């Protein structure tokens, strides 16, 4: 997997991507002229950098999706790559 992703060994440095809570903005999946905001937390554990966040309840309702914590939560791993950072994530928060 290392060769495929072209990852640098080790963790993402704290000075490059600090462990804090961030507000993010993205296009709405339903209304392309609309942006939504959510929150994510970047944290470190066992030498790796992870991210977890919540989709806004209002956006979940617009899509007739469940609005419980598990449906809104997403998690992922941050990786250092040649030209910046990469992120693998999944919805469902498990």
Protein backbone atom coordinates (compact mmCIF):
# COMPACT_ATOMS: atom_id res chain seq x y z
CA UNK A 1 0.00 0.00 0.00
CA UNK A 2 2.92 2.35 0.74
CA UNK A 3 4.09 2.34 -2.90
CA UNK A 4 0.56 2.77 -4.23
CA UNK A 5 -0.18 5.79 -2.03
CA UNK A 6 3.35 7.23 -2.28
CA UNK A 7 3.25 7.96 1.46
CA UNK A 8 6.12 9.33 3.51
CA UNK A 9 7.02 7.18 6.49
CA UNK A 10 5.84 8.35 9.90
CA UNK A 11 3.07 10.60 11.08
CA UNK A 12 1.78 13.91 9.74
CA UNK A 13 3.74 16.55 11.71
CA UNK A 14 1.78 18.53 14.29
CA UNK A 15 3.04 21.82 12.82
CA UNK A 16 1.69 20.84 9.38
CA UNK A 17 -1.80 19.80 10.56
CA UNK A 18 -2.41 20.61 14.27
CA UNK A 19 -4.63 18.49 16.53
CA UNK A 20 -7.57 20.86 16.99
CA UNK A 21 -11.25 21.24 16.06
CA UNK A 22 -11.84 22.75 12.60
CA UNK A 23 -14.90 24.17 10.86
CA UNK A 24 -15.16 22.96 7.27
CA UNK A 25 -17.21 24.18 4.31
CA UNK A 26 -18.26 22.16 1.28
CA UNK A 27 -20.80 22.26 -1.52
CA UNK A 28 -24.20 20.84 -0.71
CA UNK A 29 -24.79 17.50 -2.42
CA UNK A 30 -28.36 18.57 -3.25
CA UNK A 31 -28.11 22.30 -3.94
CA UNK A 32 -24.93 23.05 -5.95
CA UNK A 33 -25.15 26.80 -5.32
CA UNK A 34 -25.16 26.26 -1.55
CA UNK A 35 -22.32 25.64 0.87
CA UNK A 36 -22.71 23.86 4.20
CA UNK A 37 -20.53 23.93 7.29
CA UNK A 38 -19.65 21.18 9.70
CA UNK A 39 -17.00 20.41 12.29
CA UNK A 40 -14.09 17.97 12.37
CA UNK A 41 -11.54 17.09 15.02
CA UNK A 42 -7.99 16.12 14.13
CA UNK A 43 -6.24 13.96 16.74
CA UNK A 44 -3.29 11.61 17.08
CA UNK A 45 -3.16 8.09 18.49
CA UNK A 46 -0.40 5.47 18.37
CA UNK A 47 1.69 7.53 15.96
CA UNK A 48 -1.10 8.07 13.39
CA UNK A 49 -3.23 11.14 12.58
CA UNK A 50 -7.01 10.70 12.51
CA UNK A 51 -10.00 12.88 11.78
CA UNK A 52 -13.59 12.59 12.97
CA UNK A 53 -16.52 14.87 12.21
CA UNK A 54 -20.27 15.36 12.05
CA UNK A 55 -22.47 16.29 9.11
CA UNK A 56 -25.02 19.02 9.94
CA UNK A 57 -28.47 17.73 10.91
CA UNK A 58 -30.14 20.15 8.50
CA UNK A 59 -28.34 18.61 5.51
CA UNK A 60 -29.20 15.08 6.64
CA UNK A 61 -32.90 16.04 6.96
CA UNK A 62 -32.92 17.55 3.44
CA UNK A 63 -31.80 14.16 2.12
CA UNK A 64 -34.35 12.27 4.27
CA UNK A 65 -31.50 10.53 6.10
CA UNK A 66 -31.35 9.52 9.73
CA UNK A 67 -30.05 12.28 11.99
CA UNK A 68 -28.66 10.24 14.88
CA UNK A 69 -25.01 10.60 15.84
CA UNK A 70 -23.93 7.39 14.07
CA UNK A 71 -25.49 8.39 10.74
CA UNK A 72 -23.96 11.88 10.88
CA UNK A 73 -20.48 10.89 12.04
CA UNK A 74 -17.55 10.18 9.74
CA UNK A 75 -14.01 9.14 10.57
CA UNK A 76 -10.78 8.85 8.67
CA UNK A 77 -6.99 8.71 8.64
CA UNK A 78 -4.72 11.53 7.48
CA UNK A 79 -1.62 10.53 5.52
CA UNK A 80 1.44 12.52 4.45
CA UNK A 81 1.90 12.24 0.69
CA UNK A 82 4.44 13.72 -1.76
CA UNK A 83 2.58 16.93 -2.52
CA UNK A 84 0.54 17.39 0.66
CA UNK A 85 -1.96 15.41 2.71
CA UNK A 86 -4.40 12.66 1.84
CA UNK A 87 -7.43 11.43 3.75
CA UNK A 88 -9.28 8.12 3.80
CA UNK A 89 -12.65 8.33 5.45
CA UNK A 90 -15.89 6.49 5.91
CA UNK A 91 -19.35 7.46 6.99
CA UNK A 92 -21.10 5.78 9.87
CA UNK A 93 -18.50 6.43 12.50
CA UNK A 94 -17.68 2.83 13.41
